[in-house]
Each structure stands twice: as C-alpha cells, then as structure tokens.
C-alpha cells in the first residue's frame, strides 16, 4: 500500500513537498510521481530508480526534485516555483518489472 500526503493549496511561486510512504518497502523498486489534471491523461512528473538515477518531465525540470529515503520507505517530491498549470492530483507509483502499485493521490492546487 502507498500513502501519499502533502498536497494542498498554494499561491503561484510557492512550494510544497509531497511524501509517499510504502507499507511494503521501496528499496528494490523504481518510484515515480505522476499527475492528472481534470480532463487530461495521467502524466509522468518524475521518477527515481532503485539506483538513484532520476528523470523529470520537461515542464518541471529545474523546479521539482524527487528523492527517496529507503530506510523510511518514503519518496518525496519537492516542488518549488509552482505554477497554476501544476494544479492536478498527484499520484505516486512503485514499480519493478510487471509489479506496479499506485497510491491514492493527493490534490495540489496552485492559485494565480
């Protein structure tokens, strides 16, 4: 089970930090954050692999940072310089080969 938290309402230019904690551990897994705005598909925001390498969507590169703490079974998404277009439900995902687990999502709303 994945539990995401940290969403909320913030003004443009502000910051939020999302957390996602796994009850079954994350050490061997790739961990990702995705987001889905109303009427749109769910898109990748950032991923951190089990070896620590990261990939970001172009739209968040330089503003968001994904990190992981394997001892705490938690992955984080630090979001800075937030824009109204970052408004979405953010989901975390744990994956390894064909083993995929999604969290419940946390709402992020950025006001202009």
N, C-alpha and C. Protein backbone atom coordinates (compact mmCIF):
# COMPACT_ATOMS: atom_id res chain seq x y z
N UNK A 1 0.85 -1.20 0.00
CA UNK A 1 0.00 0.00 0.00
C UNK A 1 0.88 1.25 0.00
N UNK A 2 0.48 2.24 -0.80
CA UNK A 2 1.18 3.51 -0.86
C UNK A 2 0.27 4.59 -0.32
N UNK A 3 0.82 5.45 0.53
CA UNK A 3 0.03 6.55 1.07
C UNK A 3 0.73 7.86 0.75
N UNK A 4 0.06 8.69 -0.05
CA UNK A 4 0.60 9.98 -0.45
C UNK A 4 0.03 11.07 0.42
N UNK A 5 0.83 12.08 0.70
CA UNK A 5 0.40 13.20 1.51
C UNK A 5 1.18 14.44 1.12
N UNK A 6 0.74 15.59 1.64
CA UNK A 6 1.47 16.83 1.44
C UNK A 6 0.85 17.79 0.46
N UNK A 7 -0.20 17.38 -0.20
CA UNK A 7 -0.86 18.28 -1.14
C UNK A 7 -1.56 19.41 -0.42
N UNK A 8 -2.04 20.38 -1.21
CA UNK A 8 -2.75 21.50 -0.62
C UNK A 8 -2.91 22.63 -1.61
N UNK A 9 -3.29 23.77 -1.07
CA UNK A 9 -3.49 24.98 -1.86
C UNK A 9 -2.33 25.92 -1.62
N UNK A 10 -1.72 26.41 -2.69
CA UNK A 10 -0.58 27.30 -2.57
C UNK A 10 -0.66 28.35 -3.67
N UNK A 11 -0.10 29.51 -3.41
CA UNK A 11 -0.06 30.56 -4.42
C UNK A 11 1.06 30.29 -5.42
N UNK A 12 0.89 30.81 -6.60
CA UNK A 12 1.93 30.70 -7.62
C UNK A 12 3.25 31.23 -7.07
N UNK A 13 4.31 30.50 -7.35
CA UNK A 13 5.62 30.85 -6.83
C UNK A 13 5.97 30.16 -5.53
N UNK A 14 4.97 29.54 -4.92
CA UNK A 14 5.19 28.87 -3.65
C UNK A 14 5.75 27.47 -3.80
N UNK A 15 5.84 26.79 -2.67
CA UNK A 15 6.43 25.45 -2.63
C UNK A 15 5.56 24.49 -1.84
N UNK A 16 5.67 23.23 -2.19
CA UNK A 16 5.06 22.14 -1.45
C UNK A 16 6.01 20.95 -1.50
N UNK A 17 5.92 20.09 -0.50
CA UNK A 17 6.66 18.83 -0.53
C UNK A 17 5.68 17.68 -0.35
N UNK A 18 5.63 16.82 -1.34
CA UNK A 18 4.80 15.63 -1.26
C UNK A 18 5.61 14.46 -0.71
N UNK A 19 4.92 13.60 0.02
CA UNK A 19 5.55 12.39 0.54
C UNK A 19 4.70 11.19 0.14
N UNK A 20 5.36 10.08 -0.06
CA UNK A 20 4.66 8.83 -0.37
C UNK A 20 5.36 7.72 0.40
N UNK A 21 4.63 7.09 1.29
CA UNK A 21 5.19 6.04 2.13
C UNK A 21 4.59 4.70 1.75
N UNK A 22 5.48 3.71 1.61
CA UNK A 22 5.05 2.36 1.21
C UNK A 22 5.09 1.43 2.41
N UNK A 23 4.02 0.70 2.59
CA UNK A 23 4.00 -0.25 3.69
C UNK A 23 4.88 -1.46 3.43
N UNK A 24 5.12 -1.74 2.15
CA UNK A 24 5.89 -2.92 1.81
C UNK A 24 7.33 -2.66 1.43
N UNK A 25 7.82 -1.43 1.66
CA UNK A 25 9.21 -1.14 1.34
C UNK A 25 9.39 -0.64 -0.08
N UNK A 26 10.51 0.06 -0.33
CA UNK A 26 10.76 0.63 -1.65
C UNK A 26 12.16 0.33 -2.17
N UNK A 27 12.98 -0.33 -1.38
CA UNK A 27 14.41 -0.44 -1.67
C UNK A 27 14.70 -0.93 -3.09
N UNK A 28 13.99 -1.96 -3.53
CA UNK A 28 14.30 -2.57 -4.82
C UNK A 28 13.55 -1.92 -5.98
N UNK A 29 12.67 -0.98 -5.65
CA UNK A 29 11.71 -0.50 -6.63
C UNK A 29 12.08 0.85 -7.22
N UNK A 30 11.60 1.09 -8.43
CA UNK A 30 11.58 2.42 -9.01
C UNK A 30 10.35 3.14 -8.45
N UNK A 31 10.54 4.40 -8.11
CA UNK A 31 9.44 5.18 -7.52
C UNK A 31 9.19 6.40 -8.38
N UNK A 32 7.92 6.65 -8.66
CA UNK A 32 7.60 7.78 -9.53
C UNK A 32 6.45 8.61 -9.00
N UNK A 33 6.44 9.86 -9.44
CA UNK A 33 5.30 10.74 -9.22
C UNK A 33 4.67 11.05 -10.57
N UNK A 34 3.37 10.96 -10.61
CA UNK A 34 2.58 11.28 -11.79
C UNK A 34 1.52 12.29 -11.39
N UNK A 35 0.95 12.96 -12.38
CA UNK A 35 -0.14 13.88 -12.08
C UNK A 35 -1.20 13.83 -13.16
N UNK A 36 -2.40 14.13 -12.72
CA UNK A 36 -3.53 14.11 -13.64
C UNK A 36 -4.41 15.32 -13.37
N UNK A 37 -4.49 16.19 -14.36
CA UNK A 37 -5.37 17.35 -14.28
C UNK A 37 -6.75 16.95 -14.82
N UNK A 38 -7.80 17.69 -14.44
CA UNK A 38 -9.15 17.35 -14.90
C UNK A 38 -9.23 17.27 -16.41
N UNK A 39 -9.78 16.18 -16.93
CA UNK A 39 -9.95 16.02 -18.36
C UNK A 39 -8.71 15.65 -19.12
N UNK A 40 -7.62 15.39 -18.41
CA UNK A 40 -6.36 15.07 -19.08
C UNK A 40 -5.86 13.70 -18.63
N UNK A 41 -4.91 13.18 -19.36
CA UNK A 41 -4.34 11.88 -19.00
C UNK A 41 -3.35 12.03 -17.86
N UNK A 42 -3.05 10.92 -17.24
CA UNK A 42 -2.06 10.92 -16.17
C UNK A 42 -0.66 10.92 -16.80
N UNK A 43 0.15 11.87 -16.39
CA UNK A 43 1.48 12.04 -16.97
C UNK A 43 2.58 11.87 -15.93
N UNK A 44 3.72 11.43 -16.39
CA UNK A 44 4.89 11.32 -15.52
C UNK A 44 5.38 12.71 -15.13
N UNK A 45 5.68 12.87 -13.85
CA UNK A 45 6.31 14.09 -13.36
C UNK A 45 7.80 13.84 -13.13
N UNK A 46 8.10 12.79 -12.37
CA UNK A 46 9.49 12.47 -12.06
C UNK A 46 9.57 11.02 -11.61
N UNK A 47 10.71 10.42 -11.84
CA UNK A 47 10.95 9.06 -11.38
C UNK A 47 12.35 8.99 -10.78
N UNK A 48 12.48 8.21 -9.72
CA UNK A 48 13.79 7.91 -9.15
C UNK A 48 13.90 6.40 -9.09
N UNK A 49 14.92 5.89 -9.74
CA UNK A 49 15.08 4.45 -9.85
C UNK A 49 15.77 3.88 -8.62
N UNK A 50 15.82 2.57 -8.55
CA UNK A 50 16.41 1.93 -7.39
C UNK A 50 17.90 2.27 -7.26
N UNK A 51 18.54 2.63 -8.38
CA UNK A 51 19.96 3.01 -8.31
C UNK A 51 20.16 4.50 -8.04
N UNK A 52 19.06 5.23 -7.85
CA UNK A 52 19.15 6.65 -7.51
C UNK A 52 19.11 7.60 -8.69
N UNK A 53 19.14 7.09 -9.90
CA UNK A 53 19.07 7.97 -11.06
C UNK A 53 17.66 8.53 -11.20
N UNK A 54 17.57 9.72 -11.77
CA UNK A 54 16.29 10.42 -11.85
C UNK A 54 15.99 10.88 -13.27
N UNK A 55 14.72 11.03 -13.54
CA UNK A 55 14.23 11.59 -14.80
C UNK A 55 13.07 12.51 -14.48
N UNK A 56 13.02 13.66 -15.15
CA UNK A 56 11.96 14.63 -14.93
C UNK A 56 11.24 14.96 -16.24
N UNK A 57 9.98 15.30 -16.11
CA UNK A 57 9.27 15.87 -17.25
C UNK A 57 9.88 17.23 -17.55
N UNK A 58 9.88 17.61 -18.81
CA UNK A 58 10.47 18.89 -19.19
C UNK A 58 9.80 20.05 -18.47
N UNK A 59 8.51 19.92 -18.23
CA UNK A 59 7.75 21.02 -17.63
C UNK A 59 8.11 21.29 -16.18
N UNK A 60 8.77 20.35 -15.51
CA UNK A 60 9.11 20.55 -14.10
C UNK A 60 10.62 20.56 -13.85
N UNK A 61 11.39 20.29 -14.89
CA UNK A 61 12.85 20.25 -14.75
C UNK A 61 13.36 21.57 -14.18
N UNK A 62 14.18 21.46 -13.14
CA UNK A 62 14.73 22.66 -12.51
C UNK A 62 13.87 23.24 -11.41
N UNK A 63 12.61 22.79 -11.32
CA UNK A 63 11.71 23.31 -10.27
C UNK A 63 11.37 22.24 -9.24
N UNK A 64 11.27 21.00 -9.69
CA UNK A 64 10.90 19.88 -8.81
C UNK A 64 12.11 18.99 -8.57
N UNK A 65 12.15 18.40 -7.40
CA UNK A 65 13.21 17.45 -7.06
C UNK A 65 12.60 16.22 -6.41
N UNK A 66 12.90 15.07 -6.97
CA UNK A 66 12.45 13.81 -6.39
C UNK A 66 13.60 13.20 -5.60
N UNK A 67 13.27 12.62 -4.46
CA UNK A 67 14.28 11.97 -3.63
C UNK A 67 13.65 10.79 -2.91
N UNK A 68 14.49 9.95 -2.34
CA UNK A 68 13.97 8.78 -1.65
C UNK A 68 14.76 8.52 -0.38
N UNK A 69 14.08 7.97 0.62
CA UNK A 69 14.71 7.54 1.85
C UNK A 69 14.30 6.09 2.03
N UNK A 70 15.17 5.18 1.63
CA UNK A 70 14.81 3.77 1.67
C UNK A 70 14.57 3.29 3.10
N UNK A 71 15.28 3.86 4.06
CA UNK A 71 15.12 3.44 5.45
C UNK A 71 13.73 3.78 5.98
N UNK A 72 13.15 4.85 5.42
CA UNK A 72 11.81 5.26 5.84
C UNK A 72 10.73 4.80 4.86
N UNK A 73 11.14 4.07 3.83
CA UNK A 73 10.19 3.58 2.81
C UNK A 73 9.39 4.72 2.21
N UNK A 74 10.05 5.85 1.99
CA UNK A 74 9.35 7.06 1.57
C UNK A 74 10.06 7.71 0.39
N UNK A 75 9.26 8.20 -0.54
CA UNK A 75 9.77 9.01 -1.66
C UNK A 75 9.13 10.39 -1.53
N UNK A 76 9.91 11.40 -1.89
CA UNK A 76 9.48 12.79 -1.76
C UNK A 76 9.48 13.48 -3.12
N UNK A 77 8.66 14.51 -3.22
CA UNK A 77 8.69 15.39 -4.37
C UNK A 77 8.67 16.82 -3.85
N UNK A 78 9.81 17.47 -3.91
CA UNK A 78 9.89 18.87 -3.53
C UNK A 78 9.53 19.71 -4.74
N UNK A 79 8.52 20.53 -4.60
CA UNK A 79 8.01 21.33 -5.72
C UNK A 79 8.19 22.81 -5.38
N UNK A 80 9.02 23.48 -6.15
CA UNK A 80 9.28 24.91 -5.97
C UNK A 80 8.79 25.69 -7.18
N UNK A 81 8.66 26.98 -7.01
CA UNK A 81 8.23 27.87 -8.10
C UNK A 81 6.98 27.32 -8.78
N UNK A 82 6.01 26.96 -7.98
CA UNK A 82 4.81 26.34 -8.52
C UNK A 82 4.03 27.30 -9.41
N UNK A 83 3.41 26.73 -10.43
CA UNK A 83 2.63 27.48 -11.40
C UNK A 83 1.19 26.96 -11.40
N UNK A 84 0.25 27.78 -11.83
CA UNK A 84 -1.14 27.30 -11.89
C UNK A 84 -1.28 26.03 -12.73
N UNK A 85 -0.47 25.88 -13.74
CA UNK A 85 -0.56 24.69 -14.58
C UNK A 85 -0.03 23.44 -13.89
N UNK A 86 0.51 23.57 -12.71
CA UNK A 86 0.92 22.40 -11.92
C UNK A 86 -0.27 21.81 -11.14
N UNK A 87 -1.39 22.49 -11.18
CA UNK A 87 -2.58 22.02 -10.48
C UNK A 87 -3.02 20.67 -11.03
N UNK A 88 -3.15 19.69 -10.13
CA UNK A 88 -3.51 18.33 -10.54
C UNK A 88 -3.61 17.46 -9.29
N UNK A 89 -4.10 16.26 -9.49
CA UNK A 89 -3.96 15.23 -8.46
C UNK A 89 -2.64 14.52 -8.73
N UNK A 90 -1.83 14.42 -7.70
CA UNK A 90 -0.51 13.80 -7.82
C UNK A 90 -0.56 12.40 -7.22
N UNK A 91 -0.06 11.45 -7.99
CA UNK A 91 -0.05 10.05 -7.59
C UNK A 91 1.39 9.53 -7.51
N UNK A 92 1.65 8.70 -6.54
CA UNK A 92 2.93 8.01 -6.52
C UNK A 92 2.75 6.59 -7.02
N UNK A 93 3.83 6.05 -7.53
CA UNK A 93 3.80 4.73 -8.14
C UNK A 93 5.07 3.99 -7.77
N UNK A 94 4.90 2.74 -7.41
CA UNK A 94 6.03 1.87 -7.13
C UNK A 94 6.06 0.78 -8.20
N UNK A 95 7.19 0.58 -8.81
CA UNK A 95 7.23 -0.39 -9.90
C UNK A 95 8.55 -1.16 -9.94
N UNK A 96 8.43 -2.39 -10.38
CA UNK A 96 9.58 -3.25 -10.64
C UNK A 96 9.12 -4.31 -11.61
N UNK A 97 9.63 -4.24 -12.84
CA UNK A 97 9.18 -5.13 -13.91
C UNK A 97 7.66 -5.02 -14.04
N UNK A 98 6.92 -6.09 -13.87
CA UNK A 98 5.46 -6.01 -14.04
C UNK A 98 4.72 -5.89 -12.71
N UNK A 99 5.43 -5.56 -11.66
CA UNK A 99 4.81 -5.30 -10.35
C UNK A 99 4.60 -3.81 -10.21
N UNK A 100 3.35 -3.38 -10.23
CA UNK A 100 3.02 -1.95 -10.19
C UNK A 100 2.01 -1.70 -9.08
N UNK A 101 2.27 -0.66 -8.31
CA UNK A 101 1.38 -0.27 -7.23
C UNK A 101 1.22 1.24 -7.26
N UNK A 102 -0.04 1.71 -7.22
CA UNK A 102 -0.35 3.14 -7.21
C UNK A 102 -0.85 3.57 -5.84
N UNK A 103 -0.50 4.78 -5.48
CA UNK A 103 -1.07 5.40 -4.29
C UNK A 103 -2.41 6.03 -4.61
N UNK A 104 -3.04 6.62 -3.60
CA UNK A 104 -4.40 7.13 -3.74
C UNK A 104 -4.48 8.53 -4.32
N UNK A 105 -3.39 9.24 -4.40
CA UNK A 105 -3.41 10.59 -4.95
C UNK A 105 -3.58 11.66 -3.90
N UNK A 106 -2.96 12.81 -4.16
CA UNK A 106 -3.10 13.96 -3.29
C UNK A 106 -3.25 15.20 -4.17
N UNK A 107 -4.20 16.05 -3.82
CA UNK A 107 -4.54 17.20 -4.66
C UNK A 107 -3.56 18.36 -4.41
N UNK A 108 -3.07 18.91 -5.50
CA UNK A 108 -2.25 20.12 -5.46
C UNK A 108 -2.97 21.19 -6.28
N UNK A 109 -3.23 22.31 -5.65
CA UNK A 109 -3.89 23.41 -6.34
C UNK A 109 -3.03 24.66 -6.19
N UNK A 110 -2.69 25.26 -7.34
CA UNK A 110 -1.86 26.45 -7.36
C UNK A 110 -2.70 27.60 -7.88
N UNK A 111 -2.87 28.60 -7.04
CA UNK A 111 -3.67 29.76 -7.43
C UNK A 111 -2.79 30.84 -8.04
N UNK A 112 -3.37 31.57 -8.97
CA UNK A 112 -2.60 32.63 -9.66
C UNK A 112 -2.70 33.96 -8.94
